Protein backbone atom coordinates (compact mmCIF):
# COMPACT_ATOMS: atom_id res chain seq x y z
CA UNK A 1 14.89 -29.46 7.05
CA UNK A 2 11.45 -29.48 5.41
CA UNK A 3 11.04 -29.75 1.66
CA UNK A 4 9.00 -27.12 -0.15
CA UNK A 5 6.17 -29.61 -0.53
CA UNK A 6 6.20 -30.43 3.19
CA UNK A 7 6.21 -26.73 4.04
CA UNK A 8 3.23 -26.09 1.76
CA UNK A 9 1.36 -29.04 3.30
CA UNK A 10 2.05 -27.76 6.82
CA UNK A 11 0.88 -24.27 5.84
CA UNK A 12 -2.26 -25.74 4.34
CA UNK A 13 -3.05 -27.63 7.55
CA UNK A 14 -2.55 -24.42 9.53
CA UNK A 15 -4.80 -22.34 7.25
CA UNK A 16 -7.63 -24.87 6.98
CA UNK A 17 -9.42 -23.71 10.15
CA UNK A 18 -12.47 -25.91 9.62
CA UNK A 19 -10.36 -28.96 8.68
CA UNK A 20 -12.65 -29.66 5.72
CA UNK A 21 -9.77 -30.27 3.30
CA UNK A 22 -9.91 -26.90 1.52
CA UNK A 23 -9.07 -23.29 2.29
CA UNK A 24 -12.28 -21.35 1.82
CA UNK A 25 -12.43 -17.81 0.52
CA UNK A 26 -13.31 -16.64 4.04
CA UNK A 27 -10.32 -18.40 5.61
CA UNK A 28 -8.06 -16.93 2.94
CA UNK A 29 -9.44 -13.38 3.22
CA UNK A 30 -8.83 -13.41 6.98
CA UNK A 31 -5.24 -14.53 6.42
CA UNK A 32 -4.58 -11.93 3.70
CA UNK A 33 -5.96 -9.13 5.85
CA UNK A 34 -3.84 -10.23 8.79
CA UNK A 35 -0.58 -10.71 6.88
CA UNK A 36 -0.87 -7.83 4.43
CA UNK A 37 -2.72 -5.38 6.66
CA UNK A 38 -4.94 -4.79 3.67
CA UNK A 39 -8.67 -4.52 4.09
CA UNK A 40 -11.04 -4.98 1.24
CA UNK A 41 -12.71 -7.91 -0.36
CA UNK A 42 -11.53 -7.09 -3.89
CA UNK A 43 -7.85 -7.11 -2.95
CA UNK A 44 -8.07 -10.42 -1.11
CA UNK A 45 -10.35 -11.89 -3.75
CA UNK A 46 -7.89 -11.16 -6.53
CA UNK A 47 -5.14 -12.98 -4.66
CA UNK A 48 -7.47 -15.86 -3.83
CA UNK A 49 -8.40 -16.26 -7.49
CA UNK A 50 -4.73 -16.69 -8.41
CA UNK A 51 -4.40 -19.54 -5.89
CA UNK A 52 -7.70 -21.18 -6.88
CA UNK A 53 -6.46 -22.76 -10.13
CA UNK A 54 -9.65 -24.68 -10.96
CA UNK A 55 -11.99 -21.84 -9.87
CA UNK A 56 -14.09 -23.97 -7.53
CA UNK A 57 -14.08 -21.22 -4.88
CA UNK A 58 -11.70 -23.17 -2.61
CA UNK A 59 -7.96 -23.76 -2.46
CA UNK A 60 -7.13 -27.44 -2.26
CA UNK A 61 -3.97 -28.87 -0.74
CA UNK A 62 -2.78 -29.73 -4.25
CA UNK A 63 -3.36 -26.17 -5.53
CA UNK A 64 -1.37 -24.70 -2.65
CA UNK A 65 1.49 -27.19 -3.10
CA UNK A 66 1.54 -26.57 -6.86
CA UNK A 67 1.72 -22.83 -6.32
CA UNK A 68 4.55 -23.20 -3.78
CA UNK A 69 6.51 -25.41 -6.14
CA UNK A 70 6.00 -22.91 -8.97
CA UNK A 71 7.18 -20.00 -6.81
CA UNK A 72 10.12 -21.69 -5.11
CA UNK A 73 11.51 -23.91 -7.85
């Protein structure tokens, strides 16, 4: 069974389409629209901003893992 950290890392690898080490706003917006069936930049942007802890306009592996640990622990 995977740990929460391993699950978050696997999810990150899946979401990072360009394999540049971050989840861009564009990659995230596409995911949010697909999963939530919600169109609109503002909706997706608000969610993205909650994940992007250091506000560098990208979600790092560490930010995603930290968020997962916060939610699931």
